Protein backbone atom coordinates (compact mmCIF):
# COMPACT_ATOMS: atom_id res chain seq x y z
CA ASP A 1 77.58 106.01 134.06
CA GLU A 2 79.39 103.51 136.29
CA ASP A 3 76.36 101.18 136.51
CA TRP A 4 75.95 101.25 132.65
CA LEU A 5 79.60 100.41 132.11
CA LEU A 6 79.32 97.50 134.43
CA THR A 7 76.19 96.23 132.63
CA TRP A 8 77.70 96.22 129.25
CA LYS A 9 80.84 94.42 130.58
CA LYS A 10 78.69 91.71 131.94
CA ASP A 11 76.84 91.18 128.79
CA PHE A 12 79.58 91.58 126.13
CA HIS A 13 81.57 88.64 125.30
CA GLY A 14 83.92 87.33 122.56
CA PHE A 15 82.46 86.35 119.16
CA SER A 16 83.25 85.51 115.54
CA LEU A 17 83.01 88.51 113.03
CA GLY A 18 83.12 87.87 109.23
CA ARG A 19 85.26 85.10 108.00
CA LYS A 20 88.49 86.28 109.50
CA PHE A 21 87.99 88.02 113.00
CA PHE A 22 87.26 87.20 116.43
CA VAL A 23 86.16 90.11 118.77
CA LEU A 24 87.34 89.85 122.28
CA PRO A 25 87.11 92.45 125.10
CA SER A 26 90.14 93.23 127.12
CA TRP A 27 88.65 91.61 130.24
CA GLU A 28 88.42 88.18 128.55
CA THR A 29 91.44 85.98 128.37
CA GLU A 30 93.24 85.20 124.95
CA LEU A 31 92.04 82.25 123.21
CA SER A 32 93.40 79.79 120.52
CA THR A 33 91.71 80.59 117.25
CA PRO A 34 92.85 80.76 113.63
CA ARG A 35 90.99 84.05 113.24
CA THR A 36 92.50 87.41 113.75
CA VAL A 37 91.73 88.59 117.43
CA VAL A 38 90.46 92.12 117.56
CA ARG A 39 90.39 93.61 120.98
CA ILE A 40 87.48 96.05 121.48
CA ASP A 41 86.28 97.79 124.56
CA PRO A 42 83.25 99.67 123.33
CA GLU A 43 82.52 101.90 126.41
CA ARG A 44 80.34 104.89 125.05
CA ALA A 45 81.45 104.49 121.30
CA PHE A 46 79.43 102.64 118.56
CA GLY A 47 80.82 99.50 116.94
CA THR A 48 81.18 96.37 118.89
CA GLY A 49 80.73 94.23 115.86
CA THR A 50 77.24 92.73 116.97
CA HIS A 51 75.17 95.12 115.00
CA ASP A 52 74.21 94.22 111.52
CA THR A 53 75.48 97.39 110.02
CA THR A 54 78.95 96.77 111.37
CA ARG A 55 78.76 93.13 110.41
CA LEU A 56 77.85 93.91 106.83
CA SER A 57 80.72 96.52 106.73
CA VAL A 58 83.40 94.11 107.96
CA GLU A 59 82.14 91.56 105.19
CA LEU A 60 82.67 94.02 102.44
CA ILE A 61 86.13 95.07 103.91
CA GLU A 62 87.15 91.32 103.82
CA ASP A 63 86.09 91.10 100.12
CA PHE A 64 87.22 94.47 98.72
CA ALA A 65 90.01 96.00 100.86
CA ARG A 66 93.47 95.20 99.47
CA ALA A 67 96.85 95.29 101.02
CA GLU A 68 98.63 98.73 100.97
CA ALA A 69 95.23 100.49 100.05
CA SER A 70 94.81 103.72 101.85
CA VAL A 71 91.68 103.91 104.01
CA ILE A 72 89.65 106.57 105.72
CA ASP A 73 87.08 105.47 108.34
CA VAL A 74 84.36 108.22 108.76
CA GLY A 75 82.72 108.19 112.20
CA ALA A 76 85.08 105.51 113.30
CA GLY A 77 83.50 104.89 116.82
CA THR A 78 85.33 102.07 118.61
CA GLY A 79 87.67 101.76 115.68
CA ILE A 80 86.50 98.34 114.83
CA LEU A 81 86.35 98.89 111.05
CA SER A 82 89.88 100.74 110.90
CA ILE A 83 91.36 97.81 112.99
CA ALA A 84 89.85 95.12 110.60
CA ALA A 85 91.19 97.21 107.50
CA ALA A 86 94.69 97.55 109.08
CA SER A 87 94.89 93.88 110.03
CA LEU A 88 94.19 92.98 106.40
CA GLY A 89 97.20 95.08 105.33
CA CYS A 90 95.69 98.39 104.42
CA ARG A 91 98.20 101.35 104.80
CA PRO A 92 97.72 104.12 105.93
CA VAL A 93 94.41 103.99 107.81
CA THR A 94 92.89 107.23 109.16
CA ALA A 95 90.02 107.07 111.72
CA ILE A 96 87.93 110.18 111.89
CA GLU A 97 85.68 110.70 114.92
CA ILE A 98 83.93 113.82 116.16
CA ASP A 99 82.71 112.89 119.68
CA PRO A 100 85.47 113.33 122.46
CA ASP A 101 84.45 110.21 124.26
CA ALA A 102 84.20 108.12 121.35
CA THR A 103 87.60 109.34 120.23
CA SER A 104 89.22 108.33 123.45
CA CYS A 105 87.76 104.91 123.33
CA LEU A 106 88.97 104.73 119.69
CA ARG A 107 92.57 105.66 120.59
CA ALA A 108 92.70 103.13 123.36
CA ASN A 109 91.49 100.48 121.09
CA ILE A 110 94.15 101.19 118.44
CA VAL A 111 96.79 100.95 121.14
CA ARG A 112 95.12 97.74 122.60
CA ASN A 113 95.57 96.08 119.00
CA ARG A 114 99.13 97.40 118.59
CA LEU A 115 98.21 99.34 115.45
CA SER A 116 99.27 103.01 116.51
CA ASP A 117 101.87 103.00 113.70
CA VAL A 118 99.15 102.13 111.06
CA VAL A 119 96.05 103.82 112.26
CA ARG A 120 96.05 107.62 112.65
CA VAL A 121 93.17 109.13 114.69
CA ARG A 122 91.69 112.45 113.84
CA GLN A 123 89.10 114.17 116.05
CA SER A 124 87.21 116.12 113.60
CA SER A 125 83.99 116.42 111.56
CA VAL A 126 84.48 114.78 107.97
CA SER A 127 83.39 118.19 106.54
CA GLU A 128 86.33 119.93 108.21
CA VAL A 129 89.26 117.34 107.74
CA ASN A 130 91.63 117.86 105.05
CA LEU A 131 93.06 114.57 103.79
CA ASP A 132 94.52 113.23 100.56
CA PRO A 133 91.72 111.03 98.77
CA ALA A 134 91.94 107.31 99.79
CA ASP A 135 91.22 104.03 97.91
CA LEU A 136 88.56 103.06 100.29
CA VAL A 137 86.27 105.15 102.60
CA MET A 138 84.05 103.54 105.22
CA ALA A 139 81.10 105.25 106.63
CA ASN A 140 79.00 103.27 108.89
CA LEU A 141 76.56 105.78 110.14
CA ASN A 142 72.97 106.43 109.68
CA PHE A 143 70.89 107.44 106.78
CA GLY A 144 70.58 111.05 107.95
CA MET A 145 74.31 111.53 108.56
CA ILE A 146 75.39 109.83 105.38
CA THR A 147 73.06 111.95 103.23
CA GLU A 148 74.12 115.03 105.05
CA TYR A 149 77.76 114.40 104.70
CA TRP A 150 77.82 112.71 101.38
CA ALA A 151 79.60 115.48 99.51
CA ALA A 152 82.25 115.57 102.19
CA ILE A 153 82.66 111.71 102.19
CA SER A 154 82.90 111.48 98.37
CA LYS A 155 85.79 114.08 98.44
CA CYS A 156 87.62 111.68 100.72
CA VAL A 157 87.73 108.88 98.04
CA ARG A 158 89.88 109.09 94.96
CA VAL A 159 88.46 108.50 91.37
CA GLY A 160 88.32 104.58 90.93
CA GLY A 161 87.97 104.17 94.73
CA LEU A 162 85.25 102.69 96.87
CA VAL A 163 82.93 103.86 99.67
CA ILE A 164 81.24 101.54 102.00
CA ALA A 165 78.01 103.22 103.29
CA SER A 166 76.40 101.26 105.98
CA GLY A 167 73.50 102.18 108.42
CA ILE A 168 70.89 102.61 105.69
CA LEU A 169 67.40 100.93 106.18
CA LEU A 170 66.11 98.82 103.36
CA GLU A 171 63.28 101.32 103.02
CA GLN A 172 65.80 104.22 102.58
CA THR A 173 68.06 102.69 99.89
CA GLU A 174 66.08 103.70 96.69
CA ALA A 175 66.00 107.39 97.92
CA PHE A 176 69.82 107.07 98.58
CA LEU A 177 70.57 105.71 95.16
CA LYS A 178 68.37 108.16 93.38
CA ALA A 179 70.43 110.90 94.98
CA LEU A 180 73.88 109.56 94.00
CA PRO A 181 75.84 112.27 92.02
CA THR A 182 76.97 111.69 88.46
CA GLY A 183 80.27 109.93 88.59
CA GLN A 184 79.21 107.40 91.31
CA ARG A 185 77.72 104.01 90.78
CA LEU A 186 76.45 101.18 93.03
CA LEU A 187 78.69 98.04 92.79
CA GLN A 188 77.20 95.73 95.37
CA HIS A 189 74.71 95.83 98.22
CA ARG A 190 74.31 93.34 101.35
CA THR A 191 71.39 92.99 103.58
CA ALA A 192 70.96 91.96 107.03
CA GLY A 193 67.55 92.29 108.78
CA ASP A 194 66.26 95.50 108.20
CA TRP A 195 69.68 97.06 107.12
CA GLU A 196 71.73 97.42 104.07
CA ALA A 197 75.43 98.27 103.24
CA LEU A 198 76.29 99.65 99.91
CA LEU A 199 79.42 99.52 98.03
CA ILE A 200 79.86 102.59 95.82
CA GLN A 201 82.45 103.32 93.22
CA LYS A 202 83.63 106.90 92.45
CA THR A 203 84.19 106.77 88.60
CA SER A 204 84.79 110.44 88.14
CA ASP A 205 84.96 113.96 89.78
CA ALA A 206 81.93 115.09 87.85
């Protein structure tokens, strides 16, 4: 574990993300940039911002998250999507993560970005958590997990609200969209490499 941590520290450096953010690990010094600096130490959690699925999710957050909107981040990992949403003025933001190691990393990154009063962390499965429906739900997972937990994810979003579903391969998109329940519709999709991020609107509880 120690060797692995040293390896990713050596290879992980600051970079621009989306139009508005600059991701910077804690061991690199502050820099002068007009972008919002997001401090992320990934450790054993997914979500450095370098993967296409995370980048696509951030782009959708930048375009569709509005100030004061309530947000739920399912499988939050490092918390990078929660931090991005909170930095854009979303309130409150709830980050759900089931893995203990990832939850520890998530909590540390929330503190690192001084967002403890905005982002609430819940160590739980989305199928077991009990939350009020949010304006925006983010699920940057994988096809298997998204389809398995889609009913629970759908319950987390209010009617009229949006879901960002990322981590779906291009070849899996058609099957996912065919399985969408009544009362949900595709608003937009974005592609990078072999990956696709979908923006779904919940139009009814049907």
